[in-house]
Amino acid sequence: MKPPGRRATGASRWRLRRSAGCRGWLLAITIVGITFAHGPEDDQIRLLTAQLERHPQDLTARLRRGELLRDHPRPGDTNTVAMAREDFAYVLRASPHLLSAQLGMARLELASGEFTNALRRLDQALTGTNPIATVHLLRAEALVKCGRPAEAVTSYSEALQRQKDPRAESFLARARAQLAASPTNFSAVLAGLDAGLARLGPVPGLQLLALDIALRARDYTNALARVDALAAESDRQESWLSRRGDVLLAAGRIAEARTAWQKALQACRQLPERLRATPALRDLEADLAQKLASNAPGPAAP
């Protein structure tokens, strides 16, 4: 134990200063932590906030903090959104044509329901040299929200032409815009979905929407081909056989529909008991039995 009245050495004074400094940092982190819940993104926000207190003109840090605040708001807390908006606005005041800041603010405006403002900002971004696919995608989303689906279709197509690895969601969004713009132009919608399948391969979401569109168009031959393609990629056939029967019924081919449903029912019964006991399988078997009972074969020809 240190004798009473002994003066601190240089080393001990350094330890005291270091301890005080650590307490200061902990206090700062605690204060910032009052605003943000704990999580990986919140840790980044705290670090960026501390950095911006030291270097408020760091546009990269401010832009990154704005993105984190926008993408991870606390439920019911409008303050984080306001802070994100101010971060993007700060960067845009310093660099009005910075594309990342334009896109950051446009995404915030879309998420906040400010669709006209977002569209106006994205129109400005289009004036840049060779705008990237993201500008066209966000602009298409804004156009849909503004009730201009035909123009959105053009923007989606522009984006898809520029993307090397497009996402299925972009093709689905274009298809939805096409239907909104022209609800009966099924051939154009199918062509767009088939273009997506050609680029991405057999994506179930694209295949299922194409099947639905073929049925709406009453193109039952097309629909049957799509059901068969989906079935060929599945280890389990009972659901697709049931769906095949539904398409055949819609086409007026009741005998063939019954055959498909009977095969589906047989496929169900061949499954292990643990699978047959699941609610989904029980519902499917009941549905198949009901369809077979409701669509009895017609009288035999004399």
Protein backbone atom coordinates (compact mmCIF):
# COMPACT_ATOMS: atom_id res chain seq x y z
CA MET A 1 0.00 0.00 0.00
CA LYS A 2 1.28 3.46 -0.92
CA PRO A 3 2.35 5.42 2.18
CA PRO A 4 0.10 8.43 3.02
CA GLY A 5 1.21 11.68 1.48
CA ARG A 6 3.45 10.05 -1.12
CA ARG A 7 3.53 12.02 -4.36
CA ALA A 8 2.45 10.29 -7.58
CA THR A 9 5.26 9.26 -9.86
CA GLY A 10 5.32 10.09 -13.59
CA ALA A 11 4.03 6.62 -14.43
CA SER A 12 1.17 6.84 -11.97
CA ARG A 13 0.20 10.30 -13.27
CA TRP A 14 0.10 8.82 -16.82
CA ARG A 15 -2.17 6.02 -15.58
CA LEU A 16 -4.48 8.56 -13.97
CA ARG A 17 -4.66 10.65 -17.17
CA ARG A 18 -5.28 7.51 -19.25
CA SER A 19 -8.02 6.43 -16.84
CA ALA A 20 -9.67 9.85 -17.06
CA GLY A 21 -9.43 9.77 -20.86
CA CYS A 22 -11.06 6.33 -21.00
CA ARG A 23 -13.83 7.55 -18.75
CA GLY A 24 -14.34 10.48 -21.11
CA TRP A 25 -14.62 8.19 -24.14
CA LEU A 26 -17.01 5.88 -22.28
CA LEU A 27 -19.15 8.87 -21.33
CA ALA A 28 -19.28 10.05 -24.95
CA ILE A 29 -20.25 6.60 -26.17
CA THR A 30 -22.90 6.37 -23.45
CA ILE A 31 -24.39 9.72 -24.46
CA VAL A 32 -24.57 8.73 -28.11
CA GLY A 33 -25.93 5.33 -27.07
CA ILE A 34 -28.95 7.04 -25.50
CA THR A 35 -30.08 7.98 -28.99
CA PHE A 36 -29.43 4.68 -30.74
CA ALA A 37 -30.29 1.11 -29.79
CA HIS A 38 -27.49 -1.40 -29.63
CA GLY A 39 -26.58 -3.33 -32.79
CA PRO A 40 -23.87 -3.57 -35.46
CA GLU A 41 -25.29 -0.65 -37.45
CA ASP A 42 -25.69 1.43 -34.30
CA ASP A 43 -22.03 0.84 -33.44
CA GLN A 44 -21.12 2.21 -36.86
CA ILE A 45 -23.43 5.19 -36.37
CA ARG A 46 -21.80 5.99 -33.02
CA LEU A 47 -18.32 5.82 -34.52
CA LEU A 48 -19.32 8.00 -37.49
CA THR A 49 -21.01 10.50 -35.17
CA ALA A 50 -17.85 10.75 -33.08
CA GLN A 51 -15.79 11.19 -36.25
CA LEU A 52 -18.11 13.94 -37.54
CA GLU A 53 -17.82 15.78 -34.23
CA ARG A 54 -14.08 15.99 -34.90
CA HIS A 55 -14.35 16.47 -38.69
CA PRO A 56 -17.82 17.84 -39.58
CA GLN A 57 -16.85 18.38 -43.22
CA ASP A 58 -16.03 14.70 -43.85
CA LEU A 59 -18.52 14.08 -46.67
CA THR A 60 -17.78 10.35 -46.89
CA ALA A 61 -18.55 9.83 -43.20
CA ARG A 62 -21.65 12.00 -43.40
CA LEU A 63 -22.95 10.16 -46.44
CA ARG A 64 -22.36 6.78 -44.79
CA ARG A 65 -24.10 7.87 -41.59
CA GLY A 66 -27.06 9.12 -43.61
CA GLU A 67 -27.38 5.74 -45.32
CA LEU A 68 -27.25 3.86 -42.01
CA LEU A 69 -29.79 6.17 -40.38
CA ARG A 70 -32.11 5.84 -43.36
CA ASP A 71 -31.88 2.06 -43.61
CA HIS A 72 -32.05 1.31 -39.87
CA PRO A 73 -34.49 3.72 -38.25
CA ARG A 74 -35.86 3.01 -34.82
CA PRO A 75 -39.61 2.18 -34.92
CA GLY A 76 -41.66 5.31 -34.40
CA ASP A 77 -38.58 7.54 -34.15
CA THR A 78 -38.63 10.35 -36.73
CA ASN A 79 -35.43 11.87 -35.41
CA THR A 80 -33.17 9.35 -37.16
CA VAL A 81 -34.91 10.04 -40.49
CA ALA A 82 -34.48 13.79 -39.95
CA MET A 83 -30.79 13.29 -39.18
CA ALA A 84 -30.37 11.18 -42.33
CA ARG A 85 -32.09 13.88 -44.39
CA GLU A 86 -29.77 16.54 -42.97
CA ASP A 87 -26.71 14.40 -43.71
CA PHE A 88 -27.70 13.97 -47.36
CA ALA A 89 -28.64 17.66 -47.64
CA TYR A 90 -25.26 18.67 -46.20
CA VAL A 91 -23.41 16.57 -48.77
CA LEU A 92 -25.58 17.87 -51.62
CA ARG A 93 -24.94 21.47 -50.59
CA ALA A 94 -21.23 20.76 -50.76
CA SER A 95 -21.42 18.64 -53.92
CA PRO A 96 -24.78 19.07 -55.71
CA HIS A 97 -24.04 16.56 -58.49
CA LEU A 98 -22.62 13.77 -56.35
CA LEU A 99 -24.60 10.75 -57.57
CA SER A 100 -24.34 8.74 -54.35
CA ALA A 101 -25.83 11.64 -52.41
CA GLN A 102 -28.60 12.15 -54.99
CA LEU A 103 -29.49 8.46 -54.78
CA GLY A 104 -29.28 8.48 -50.99
CA MET A 105 -31.75 11.35 -50.72
CA ALA A 106 -34.02 9.88 -53.41
CA ARG A 107 -34.23 6.58 -51.50
CA LEU A 108 -35.08 8.49 -48.33
CA GLU A 109 -37.81 10.44 -50.14
CA LEU A 110 -39.27 7.23 -51.60
CA ALA A 111 -39.31 5.60 -48.17
CA SER A 112 -40.96 8.73 -46.71
CA GLY A 113 -43.71 8.83 -49.35
CA GLU A 114 -42.31 11.93 -51.06
CA PHE A 115 -42.65 10.40 -54.51
CA THR A 116 -42.78 13.62 -56.54
CA ASN A 117 -39.64 14.95 -54.86
CA ALA A 118 -37.85 11.65 -55.45
CA LEU A 119 -38.85 11.62 -59.11
CA ARG A 120 -37.65 15.19 -59.59
CA ARG A 121 -34.31 14.35 -58.00
CA LEU A 122 -33.88 11.21 -60.12
CA ASP A 123 -34.73 13.14 -63.27
CA GLN A 124 -31.84 15.44 -62.36
CA ALA A 125 -29.58 12.43 -61.84
CA LEU A 126 -30.46 11.23 -65.35
CA THR A 127 -28.83 14.32 -66.82
CA GLY A 128 -25.42 12.95 -65.83
CA THR A 129 -23.19 11.14 -68.28
CA ASN A 130 -24.33 7.55 -68.87
CA PRO A 131 -26.51 7.15 -65.74
CA ILE A 132 -26.18 3.82 -63.97
CA ALA A 133 -28.91 1.18 -63.80
CA THR A 134 -29.77 2.12 -60.20
CA VAL A 135 -30.97 5.56 -61.31
CA HIS A 136 -33.38 3.99 -63.80
CA LEU A 137 -34.60 1.42 -61.25
CA LEU A 138 -35.34 4.03 -58.60
CA ARG A 139 -36.91 6.31 -61.19
CA ALA A 140 -39.17 3.44 -62.31
CA GLU A 141 -40.24 2.90 -58.69
CA ALA A 142 -41.00 6.60 -58.32
CA LEU A 143 -42.98 6.63 -61.56
CA VAL A 144 -45.11 3.71 -60.38
CA LYS A 145 -45.78 5.52 -57.10
CA CYS A 146 -46.72 8.64 -59.05
CA GLY A 147 -49.25 6.68 -61.11
CA ARG A 148 -47.25 6.64 -64.35
CA PRO A 149 -46.72 2.90 -64.99
CA ALA A 150 -46.18 3.11 -68.75
CA GLU A 151 -43.17 5.37 -68.23
CA ALA A 152 -42.02 3.08 -65.44
CA VAL A 153 -41.91 0.16 -67.89
CA THR A 154 -39.47 2.13 -70.06
CA SER A 155 -37.28 2.93 -67.04
CA TYR A 156 -37.26 -0.71 -65.91
CA SER A 157 -36.25 -1.79 -69.42
CA GLU A 158 -33.46 0.81 -69.48
CA ALA A 159 -32.19 -0.49 -66.14
CA LEU A 160 -32.31 -4.13 -67.22
CA GLN A 161 -30.34 -3.34 -70.37
CA ARG A 162 -27.59 -1.81 -68.22
CA GLN A 163 -27.41 -4.54 -65.57
CA LYS A 164 -24.92 -7.36 -66.03
CA ASP A 165 -26.51 -9.44 -63.25
CA PRO A 166 -30.11 -8.29 -62.91
CA ARG A 167 -32.31 -9.46 -60.06
CA ALA A 168 -35.53 -11.34 -60.65
CA GLU A 169 -37.37 -8.63 -58.72
CA SER A 170 -36.60 -6.13 -61.50
CA PHE A 171 -38.32 -8.33 -64.09
CA LEU A 172 -41.26 -8.89 -61.73
CA ALA A 173 -41.58 -5.16 -61.07
CA ARG A 174 -41.56 -4.43 -64.80
CA ALA A 175 -44.27 -7.07 -65.34
CA ARG A 176 -46.44 -5.49 -62.63
CA ALA A 177 -45.96 -2.06 -64.22
CA GLN A 178 -46.90 -3.49 -67.62
CA LEU A 179 -50.11 -4.93 -66.19
CA ALA A 180 -50.92 -1.63 -64.49
CA ALA A 181 -50.35 0.26 -67.74
CA SER A 182 -52.23 -2.22 -69.95
CA PRO A 183 -54.09 -4.92 -67.99
CA THR A 184 -54.84 -7.10 -71.02
CA ASN A 185 -51.52 -6.87 -72.88
CA PHE A 186 -50.57 -10.35 -71.74
CA SER A 187 -48.25 -11.13 -74.64
CA ALA A 188 -45.93 -8.24 -73.73
CA VAL A 189 -45.86 -9.27 -70.07
CA LEU A 190 -45.07 -12.90 -70.97
CA ALA A 191 -42.33 -11.77 -73.36
CA GLY A 192 -40.75 -9.71 -70.58
CA LEU A 193 -40.90 -12.58 -68.09
CA ASP A 194 -39.48 -15.01 -70.63
CA ALA A 195 -36.63 -12.58 -71.22
CA GLY A 196 -35.93 -12.75 -67.50
CA LEU A 197 -36.03 -16.55 -67.52
CA ALA A 198 -33.64 -16.59 -70.46
CA ARG A 199 -31.13 -14.47 -68.53
CA LEU A 200 -31.56 -15.87 -65.03
CA GLY A 201 -32.66 -19.45 -65.58
CA PRO A 202 -35.70 -21.12 -63.99
CA VAL A 203 -36.49 -18.68 -61.20
CA PRO A 204 -39.72 -19.87 -59.51
CA GLY A 205 -41.06 -16.35 -58.97
CA LEU A 206 -40.82 -15.56 -62.68
CA GLN A 207 -42.21 -18.95 -63.66
CA LEU A 208 -45.20 -18.69 -61.35
CA LEU A 209 -46.13 -15.19 -62.51
CA ALA A 210 -45.77 -16.29 -66.15
CA LEU A 211 -48.08 -19.22 -65.41
CA ASP A 212 -50.63 -16.89 -63.84
CA ILE A 213 -50.47 -14.54 -66.85
CA ALA A 214 -50.89 -17.43 -69.29
CA LEU A 215 -54.02 -18.49 -67.39
CA ARG A 216 -55.39 -14.95 -67.43
CA ALA A 217 -54.82 -14.91 -71.17
CA ARG A 218 -56.62 -18.29 -71.41
CA ASP A 219 -53.59 -19.65 -73.23
CA TYR A 220 -53.94 -23.09 -71.70
CA THR A 221 -51.37 -24.77 -73.91
CA ASN A 222 -48.82 -22.22 -72.72
CA ALA A 223 -49.94 -22.65 -69.11
CA LEU A 224 -49.66 -26.45 -69.26
CA ALA A 225 -46.13 -26.18 -70.63
CA ARG A 226 -45.20 -23.90 -67.72
CA VAL A 227 -46.73 -26.25 -65.14
CA ASP A 228 -44.79 -29.14 -66.65
CA ALA A 229 -41.56 -27.11 -66.56
CA LEU A 230 -42.08 -26.33 -62.86
CA ALA A 231 -42.91 -29.97 -62.11
CA ALA A 232 -39.76 -31.16 -63.87
CA GLU A 233 -37.64 -29.17 -61.40
CA SER A 234 -39.45 -30.46 -58.32
CA ASP A 235 -38.81 -33.60 -56.29
CA ARG A 236 -42.44 -33.65 -55.21
CA GLN A 237 -45.12 -33.90 -57.88
CA GLU A 238 -48.46 -33.92 -56.04
CA SER A 239 -48.94 -30.13 -56.01
CA TRP A 240 -48.01 -29.74 -59.67
CA LEU A 241 -50.27 -32.61 -60.73
CA SER A 242 -53.08 -30.89 -58.87
CA ARG A 243 -52.25 -27.61 -60.60
CA ARG A 244 -52.10 -29.38 -63.97
CA GLY A 245 -55.59 -30.72 -63.37
CA ASP A 246 -56.82 -27.20 -62.59
CA VAL A 247 -55.45 -25.91 -65.89
CA LEU A 248 -57.01 -28.79 -67.81
CA LEU A 249 -60.35 -28.09 -66.14
CA ALA A 250 -60.13 -24.43 -67.15
CA ALA A 251 -59.49 -25.62 -70.70
CA GLY A 252 -62.64 -27.76 -70.58
CA ARG A 253 -60.70 -31.05 -70.63
CA ILE A 254 -62.44 -32.64 -67.65
CA ALA A 255 -61.40 -36.25 -68.23
CA GLU A 256 -57.72 -35.26 -68.42
CA ALA A 257 -58.16 -33.04 -65.38
CA ARG A 258 -59.55 -35.96 -63.39
CA THR A 259 -56.61 -38.12 -64.45
CA ALA A 260 -54.16 -35.47 -63.21
CA TRP A 261 -55.99 -35.12 -59.87
CA GLN A 262 -56.08 -38.91 -59.42
CA LYS A 263 -52.33 -39.07 -60.03
CA ALA A 264 -51.86 -36.27 -57.53
CA LEU A 265 -53.92 -38.13 -54.94
CA GLN A 266 -51.92 -41.28 -55.57
CA ALA A 267 -48.67 -39.34 -55.16
CA CYS A 268 -49.93 -38.03 -51.81
CA ARG A 269 -50.78 -41.52 -50.59
CA GLN A 270 -47.32 -42.78 -51.48
CA LEU A 271 -45.64 -40.26 -49.20
CA PRO A 272 -44.41 -41.27 -45.72
CA GLU A 273 -47.03 -41.01 -43.00
CA ARG A 274 -45.15 -38.22 -41.25
CA LEU A 275 -45.58 -36.06 -44.37
CA ARG A 276 -49.18 -37.05 -44.96
CA ALA A 277 -49.95 -36.01 -41.39
CA THR A 278 -48.93 -32.38 -42.06
CA PRO A 279 -51.77 -29.84 -42.42
CA ALA A 280 -50.64 -28.93 -45.95
CA LEU A 281 -50.88 -32.51 -47.21
CA ARG A 282 -54.18 -33.13 -45.45
CA ASP A 283 -55.60 -29.98 -47.05
CA LEU A 284 -54.29 -31.01 -50.47
CA GLU A 285 -55.81 -34.49 -50.25
CA ALA A 286 -59.15 -33.03 -49.16
CA ASP A 287 -59.06 -30.52 -52.01
CA LEU A 288 -58.28 -33.22 -54.56
CA ALA A 289 -61.12 -35.42 -53.27
CA GLN A 290 -63.51 -32.47 -53.47
CA LYS A 291 -62.48 -31.63 -57.05
CA LEU A 292 -62.88 -35.23 -58.15
CA ALA A 293 -66.35 -35.37 -56.57
CA SER A 294 -67.40 -32.04 -58.08
CA ASN A 295 -66.21 -32.93 -61.58
CA ALA A 296 -67.60 -36.40 -62.12
CA PRO A 297 -67.05 -37.92 -65.57
CA GLY A 298 -69.83 -37.38 -68.08
CA PRO A 299 -72.07 -40.20 -69.32
CA ALA A 300 -70.36 -42.71 -71.56
CA ALA A 301 -71.01 -42.37 -75.28
CA PRO A 302 -73.56 -44.91 -76.66
